[in-house]
Amino acid sequence: MADSDSSQKTASVTAPVPRISIQFCIQCKWNLRAAYYAQELLQTFSTSLGEVSLRPSTGGIFIVTLETLNEQSILESHVIWDRKRDGGFPETKELKKKVRDIIDPNRDLGHVDGKKKSVSQAQSDPPASAPPEPQNDTQAASSSSGQGQDSLRAHIVPAEQQAGEGKTVCEDCQ
């Protein structure tokens, strides 16, 4: 049997840092997106990261947080990306740059940093530029509006079903 003093005992827990936490909305079904970002960060930073965690949440949340230790060994929390604050989801290379800038600013991310040919090669080779493909306004309007309507319908149907079952629906699922 547990004695009454056990509730007053404290445990010392050591967690590796830097660590990244990806909090995501399960109602919006952003678990695969969160797992993808986690995989990309682990692939890029490998053992430079102590931990990458996925934190299921609700309410349209998608927040990437990085915790580091400062010079005085005090844990600091940095919000790398907040979907509501930053407007949508980050591109993978942008997320990697933000993490790199905090944990190891001198780290070279190769193609993510947009590394070009060396200066001597760049001077001898003329820049190659491909003209953009022509697209008339009706094609652009129909393709963009069609995609938006399809994705909108995909989000409305599950939200209506969930609301009918008495479940809480986040603002992005409505």
Protein backbone atom coordinates (compact mmCIF):
# COMPACT_ATOMS: atom_id res chain seq x y z
CA MET A 1 0.00 0.00 0.00
CA ALA A 2 1.13 3.51 -0.68
CA ASP A 3 1.73 5.69 2.35
CA SER A 4 0.53 9.29 2.65
CA ASP A 5 4.08 10.68 2.28
CA SER A 6 4.38 9.42 -1.31
CA SER A 7 2.35 12.37 -2.62
CA GLN A 8 4.95 14.78 -1.22
CA LYS A 9 7.96 13.09 -2.80
CA THR A 10 9.50 14.75 -5.82
CA ALA A 11 11.28 13.10 -8.68
CA SER A 12 14.24 14.38 -10.56
CA VAL A 13 13.62 14.01 -14.26
CA THR A 14 16.23 14.78 -16.84
CA ALA A 15 15.05 15.38 -20.36
CA PRO A 16 17.46 15.84 -23.22
CA VAL A 17 17.63 19.29 -24.78
CA PRO A 18 17.22 20.85 -27.21
CA ARG A 19 13.78 19.35 -27.61
CA ILE A 20 11.01 20.09 -30.04
CA SER A 21 7.32 19.69 -29.33
CA ILE A 22 4.73 19.69 -32.09
CA GLN A 23 1.24 20.29 -30.74
CA PHE A 24 -1.47 19.54 -33.31
CA CYS A 25 -5.25 19.37 -33.58
CA ILE A 26 -6.58 15.82 -33.79
CA GLN A 27 -10.01 17.11 -34.84
CA CYS A 28 -8.45 18.70 -37.92
CA LYS A 29 -6.55 15.44 -38.54
CA TRP A 30 -3.14 17.11 -38.61
CA ASN A 31 -1.35 14.10 -37.11
CA LEU A 32 0.31 13.08 -40.39
CA ARG A 33 1.51 16.64 -40.99
CA ALA A 34 2.96 16.78 -37.46
CA ALA A 35 4.66 13.40 -37.93
CA TYR A 36 6.10 14.53 -41.27
CA TYR A 37 7.64 17.66 -39.71
CA ALA A 38 9.03 15.56 -36.85
CA GLN A 39 10.62 13.13 -39.31
CA GLU A 40 12.14 15.96 -41.35
CA LEU A 41 13.63 17.62 -38.26
CA LEU A 42 15.05 14.32 -36.98
CA GLN A 43 16.52 13.52 -40.40
CA THR A 44 18.18 16.94 -40.64
CA PHE A 45 19.37 17.45 -37.05
CA SER A 46 19.66 13.80 -35.87
CA THR A 47 21.56 13.68 -32.57
CA SER A 48 21.75 17.48 -32.30
CA LEU A 49 18.19 17.22 -31.01
CA GLY A 50 17.55 15.55 -27.69
CA GLU A 51 13.89 14.85 -28.35
CA VAL A 52 11.03 15.47 -30.76
CA SER A 53 7.55 14.93 -29.38
CA LEU A 54 4.05 14.94 -30.84
CA ARG A 55 1.35 16.41 -28.59
CA PRO A 56 -2.25 15.78 -29.65
CA SER A 57 -4.60 18.66 -28.91
CA THR A 58 -7.88 20.19 -30.11
CA GLY A 59 -9.14 23.58 -31.22
CA GLY A 60 -7.24 24.07 -34.47
CA ILE A 61 -3.88 24.17 -32.70
CA PHE A 62 -0.63 23.65 -34.61
CA ILE A 63 2.34 24.95 -32.63
CA VAL A 64 6.00 23.97 -32.94
CA THR A 65 8.00 24.79 -29.80
CA LEU A 66 11.75 24.46 -29.21
CA GLU A 67 13.17 24.26 -25.68
CA THR A 68 16.85 24.98 -25.08
CA LEU A 69 19.15 25.68 -22.17
CA ASN A 70 20.74 29.11 -22.00
CA GLU A 71 24.22 29.93 -20.62
CA GLN A 72 22.88 29.90 -17.04
CA SER A 73 21.29 26.43 -17.61
CA ILE A 74 17.80 27.90 -17.53
CA LEU A 75 15.26 26.27 -19.81
CA GLU A 76 14.02 28.64 -22.51
CA SER A 77 11.00 28.01 -24.69
CA HIS A 78 10.86 29.38 -28.26
CA VAL A 79 7.68 29.21 -30.34
CA ILE A 80 9.09 28.34 -33.74
CA TRP A 81 5.75 28.26 -35.53
CA ASP A 82 2.16 28.95 -34.53
CA ARG A 83 -0.36 28.31 -37.30
CA LYS A 84 -2.72 31.04 -36.08
CA ARG A 85 0.02 33.63 -35.48
CA ASP A 86 2.10 32.86 -38.57
CA GLY A 87 -0.73 32.09 -40.97
CA GLY A 88 -0.94 28.45 -41.98
CA PHE A 89 1.80 25.88 -41.98
CA PRO A 90 5.52 26.38 -42.53
CA GLU A 91 7.45 25.12 -45.49
CA THR A 92 9.82 22.42 -44.30
CA LYS A 93 12.93 24.42 -45.22
CA GLU A 94 11.63 27.45 -43.29
CA LEU A 95 11.02 25.31 -40.20
CA LYS A 96 14.51 23.82 -40.45
CA LYS A 97 16.10 27.28 -40.77
CA LYS A 98 14.25 28.55 -37.69
CA VAL A 99 15.38 25.56 -35.62
CA ARG A 100 18.96 25.84 -36.92
CA ASP A 101 19.11 29.57 -36.14
CA ILE A 102 18.48 28.79 -32.47
CA ILE A 103 20.35 25.55 -31.82
CA ASP A 104 23.35 25.99 -34.15
CA PRO A 105 23.44 29.22 -36.21
CA ASN A 106 26.69 28.23 -37.96
CA ARG A 107 25.29 24.91 -39.21
CA ASP A 108 25.12 24.52 -42.98
CA LEU A 109 21.79 23.16 -44.20
CA GLY A 110 23.04 22.67 -47.76
CA HIS A 111 20.30 22.99 -50.35
CA VAL A 112 17.85 24.30 -47.73
CA ASP A 113 20.04 27.39 -47.40
CA GLY A 114 19.89 27.86 -51.17
CA LYS A 115 23.58 27.19 -51.76
CA LYS A 116 24.56 28.04 -55.32
CA LYS A 117 27.55 27.23 -57.48
CA SER A 118 30.89 28.58 -56.39
CA VAL A 119 31.74 32.16 -57.44
CA SER A 120 34.14 31.06 -60.20
CA GLN A 121 31.52 28.73 -61.73
CA ALA A 122 28.81 31.36 -61.47
CA GLN A 123 30.93 33.90 -63.38
CA SER A 124 31.69 31.52 -66.25
CA ASP A 125 28.17 30.10 -66.62
CA PRO A 126 25.38 32.44 -67.77
CA PRO A 127 22.31 32.27 -65.54
CA ALA A 128 19.64 29.93 -66.88
CA SER A 129 16.08 31.06 -66.56
CA ALA A 130 13.08 29.25 -67.89
CA PRO A 131 10.14 31.38 -68.89
CA PRO A 132 7.00 30.71 -66.89
CA GLU A 133 4.35 28.60 -68.54
CA PRO A 134 1.52 30.73 -69.90
CA GLN A 135 -1.78 30.29 -68.16
CA ASN A 136 -4.86 32.27 -68.97
CA ASP A 137 -7.01 33.77 -66.23
CA THR A 138 -9.90 31.34 -66.65
CA GLN A 139 -7.62 28.33 -66.16
CA ALA A 140 -6.09 29.85 -63.03
CA ALA A 141 -9.48 30.81 -61.57
CA SER A 142 -11.08 27.43 -62.24
CA SER A 143 -8.14 25.43 -60.90
CA SER A 144 -7.72 27.47 -57.72
CA SER A 145 -11.43 27.78 -56.94
CA GLY A 146 -12.05 24.11 -57.66
CA GLN A 147 -9.37 23.04 -55.22
CA GLY A 148 -10.64 25.35 -52.53
CA GLN A 149 -14.21 24.09 -52.83
CA ASP A 150 -13.16 20.44 -52.73
CA SER A 151 -11.06 20.90 -49.61
CA LEU A 152 -13.80 22.99 -48.01
CA ARG A 153 -16.35 20.24 -48.57
CA ALA A 154 -13.98 17.67 -47.12
CA HIS A 155 -13.77 19.65 -43.88
CA ILE A 156 -17.47 20.49 -43.58
CA VAL A 157 -18.84 16.95 -43.81
CA PRO A 158 -16.88 15.48 -40.85
CA ALA A 159 -17.61 18.57 -38.73
CA GLU A 160 -21.34 18.22 -39.28
CA GLN A 161 -21.18 14.55 -38.41
CA GLN A 162 -19.18 15.24 -35.24
CA ALA A 163 -21.53 18.03 -34.15
CA GLY A 164 -24.47 15.68 -34.59
CA GLU A 165 -22.82 13.16 -32.27
CA GLY A 166 -22.41 15.75 -29.50
CA LYS A 167 -18.63 16.06 -29.90
CA THR A 168 -16.79 19.36 -29.54
CA VAL A 169 -15.74 20.68 -32.92
CA CYS A 170 -12.80 23.01 -33.36
CA GLU A 171 -13.15 26.23 -35.32
CA ASP A 172 -11.15 24.88 -38.26
CA CYS A 173 -13.32 21.78 -38.62
CA GLN A 174 -16.56 23.75 -38.98
